[in-house]
């Protein structure tokens, strides 16, 4: 009798051990599946034609490149690159900004750009030139600077 009890206890212990190892194996497989899912990278979409919008003010230069529908692929500004004060509006800062944006956008495979320039800052021509030098084919260059057609109502004349 005592031997039968010992045998049953051993059987229970072995079955418990087997169950524990099975659950551990199942947990390991689940962890491996999670790791496999993390390793799979989503392929970047390929965009061949895009729009470059350049905003040159007296104080800053902002460049963004988007796809044809307007989804922004990359952007940068001279303030973002660390230029401060009056240096943000220089032509050199504009070329640096375009270089930074083109680096970000190269992974999408953009080749052709429609360029839209807005503002009266000093970085206008240099930013367009930098886009051409960074390997983009410029299909269109358009100035979209807002011009007032007669402007707002002037102040009333001063009475002396």
Protein backbone atom coordinates (compact mmCIF):
# COMPACT_ATOMS: atom_id res chain seq x y z
CA UNK A 1 0.00 0.00 0.00
CA UNK A 2 2.72 2.38 0.92
CA UNK A 3 4.50 1.59 -2.32
CA UNK A 4 1.34 2.31 -4.33
CA UNK A 5 0.95 5.70 -2.60
CA UNK A 6 4.59 6.55 -3.34
CA UNK A 7 4.14 5.54 -6.99
CA UNK A 8 0.98 7.67 -7.28
CA UNK A 9 2.77 10.65 -5.70
CA UNK A 10 5.64 10.27 -8.14
CA UNK A 11 3.19 10.04 -11.05
CA UNK A 12 1.45 13.22 -9.87
CA UNK A 13 4.79 15.00 -9.54
CA UNK A 14 5.89 13.92 -13.02
CA UNK A 15 2.57 14.95 -14.56
CA UNK A 16 2.84 18.35 -12.85
CA UNK A 17 6.40 18.72 -14.14
CA UNK A 18 5.31 17.78 -17.66
CA UNK A 19 2.46 20.31 -17.50
CA UNK A 20 4.84 23.03 -16.32
CA UNK A 21 7.30 22.32 -19.13
CA UNK A 22 4.45 22.32 -21.66
CA UNK A 23 3.19 25.69 -20.42
CA UNK A 24 6.74 27.07 -20.51
CA UNK A 25 7.13 25.88 -24.09
CA UNK A 26 3.83 27.49 -25.08
CA UNK A 27 4.91 30.77 -23.45
CA UNK A 28 8.27 30.66 -25.28
CA UNK A 29 6.51 30.10 -28.60
CA UNK A 30 4.20 33.04 -27.89
CA UNK A 31 7.19 35.26 -27.07
CA UNK A 32 8.94 34.16 -30.27
CA UNK A 33 5.85 35.08 -32.30
CA UNK A 34 5.77 38.51 -30.68
CA UNK A 35 9.48 39.00 -31.48
CA UNK A 36 8.88 37.89 -35.07
CA UNK A 37 6.13 40.46 -35.41
CA UNK A 38 8.42 43.19 -34.08
CA UNK A 39 11.19 42.29 -36.54
CA UNK A 40 8.97 42.57 -39.62
CA UNK A 41 9.38 46.10 -41.01
CA UNK A 42 6.78 47.83 -43.09
CA UNK A 43 8.12 48.76 -46.50
CA UNK A 44 8.36 52.50 -47.16
CA UNK A 45 6.05 53.74 -49.84
CA UNK A 46 7.64 54.92 -53.06
CA UNK A 47 6.83 58.43 -54.23
CA UNK A 48 8.33 59.54 -57.54
CA UNK A 49 6.83 63.02 -57.86
CA UNK A 50 6.31 65.51 -55.07
CA UNK A 51 5.73 69.13 -54.12
CA UNK A 52 8.33 71.30 -52.42
CA UNK A 53 6.97 74.30 -50.54
CA UNK A 54 9.52 76.96 -49.58
CA UNK A 55 8.53 79.76 -47.23
CA UNK A 56 11.16 82.50 -47.03
CA UNK A 57 10.46 85.30 -44.60
CA UNK A 58 12.70 88.06 -43.32
CA UNK A 59 13.33 85.99 -40.19
CA UNK A 60 13.34 82.31 -41.21
CA UNK A 61 13.30 79.77 -44.06
CA UNK A 62 11.00 76.73 -43.94
CA UNK A 63 11.08 73.95 -46.54
CA UNK A 64 8.66 71.00 -46.70
CA UNK A 65 8.41 68.26 -49.30
CA UNK A 66 5.13 66.38 -49.73
CA UNK A 67 3.58 63.95 -52.17
CA UNK A 68 1.14 65.15 -54.83
CA UNK A 69 -1.85 64.79 -52.49
CA UNK A 70 -0.23 66.94 -49.79
CA UNK A 71 0.99 64.29 -47.34
CA UNK A 72 4.21 65.69 -45.90
CA UNK A 73 7.25 63.42 -46.35
CA UNK A 74 9.81 65.69 -44.67
CA UNK A 75 10.34 69.25 -43.51
CA UNK A 76 12.97 71.43 -41.95
CA UNK A 77 13.66 75.02 -41.02
CA UNK A 78 16.74 77.07 -40.34
CA UNK A 79 15.74 77.46 -36.69
CA UNK A 80 15.55 73.69 -36.37
CA UNK A 81 19.13 73.39 -37.61
CA UNK A 82 20.44 75.68 -34.88
CA UNK A 83 20.71 79.00 -36.69
CA UNK A 84 19.77 81.91 -34.43
CA UNK A 85 18.72 85.49 -34.97
CA UNK A 86 19.48 87.14 -38.29
CA UNK A 87 21.48 84.09 -39.51
CA UNK A 88 18.22 82.14 -39.98
CA UNK A 89 17.26 84.21 -43.03
CA UNK A 90 20.58 83.93 -44.89
CA UNK A 91 21.04 82.08 -48.20
CA UNK A 92 23.56 79.74 -46.54
CA UNK A 93 20.96 78.68 -43.95
CA UNK A 94 18.47 78.05 -46.78
CA UNK A 95 20.90 75.69 -48.55
CA UNK A 96 21.51 73.81 -45.29
CA UNK A 97 17.75 73.46 -44.75
CA UNK A 98 17.25 72.03 -48.24
CA UNK A 99 20.11 69.58 -47.68
CA UNK A 100 18.50 68.37 -44.46
CA UNK A 101 15.08 67.91 -46.08
CA UNK A 102 16.49 66.11 -49.10
CA UNK A 103 18.26 63.64 -46.79
CA UNK A 104 14.96 62.85 -45.07
CA UNK A 105 13.07 62.44 -48.35
CA UNK A 106 15.62 60.31 -50.26
CA UNK A 107 14.28 57.12 -48.65
CA UNK A 108 10.93 57.66 -50.41
CA UNK A 109 12.57 57.76 -53.84
CA UNK A 110 11.40 61.25 -54.85
CA UNK A 111 12.88 62.29 -58.21
CA UNK A 112 10.69 65.09 -59.60
CA UNK A 113 9.50 68.15 -57.71
CA UNK A 114 7.06 70.98 -58.26
CA UNK A 115 8.47 73.94 -56.32
CA UNK A 116 6.20 76.57 -54.76
CA UNK A 117 7.99 79.59 -53.28
CA UNK A 118 6.26 81.92 -50.84
CA UNK A 119 7.66 85.06 -49.23
CA UNK A 120 10.25 87.74 -49.88
CA UNK A 121 13.24 86.53 -47.84
CA UNK A 122 16.82 86.26 -49.02
CA UNK A 123 16.82 82.44 -49.20
CA UNK A 124 14.51 82.10 -52.20
CA UNK A 125 16.95 81.59 -55.06
CA UNK A 126 19.53 79.74 -53.00
CA UNK A 127 16.97 77.18 -51.79
CA UNK A 128 15.77 76.49 -55.35
CA UNK A 129 19.37 76.14 -56.51
CA UNK A 130 20.09 73.77 -53.63
CA UNK A 131 17.09 71.58 -54.58
CA UNK A 132 18.44 71.28 -58.12
CA UNK A 133 21.94 70.46 -56.82
CA UNK A 134 20.66 67.72 -54.49
CA UNK A 135 19.54 65.56 -57.42
CA UNK A 136 15.91 66.58 -57.83
CA UNK A 137 14.44 67.26 -61.26
CA UNK A 138 12.51 70.54 -60.93
CA UNK A 139 9.46 70.35 -63.19
CA UNK A 140 7.71 73.55 -62.06
CA UNK A 141 8.81 76.65 -60.15
CA UNK A 142 5.93 78.86 -59.08
CA UNK A 143 5.80 81.97 -56.89
CA UNK A 144 2.75 81.89 -54.63
CA UNK A 145 3.57 84.98 -52.55
CA UNK A 146 0.30 86.63 -51.52
CA UNK A 147 -0.10 90.06 -53.11
CA UNK A 148 -2.83 92.42 -51.84
CA UNK A 149 -5.13 93.70 -54.59
CA UNK A 150 -5.67 97.19 -53.13
CA UNK A 151 -5.11 95.95 -49.58
CA UNK A 152 -7.09 96.84 -46.49
CA UNK A 153 -8.75 100.18 -45.83
CA UNK A 154 -6.29 102.97 -44.96
CA UNK A 155 -6.40 104.96 -41.75
CA UNK A 156 -8.49 108.09 -41.71
CA UNK A 157 -6.57 111.29 -42.45
CA UNK A 158 -5.06 113.07 -39.48
CA UNK A 159 -6.68 116.35 -38.50
CA UNK A 160 -4.36 119.06 -37.23
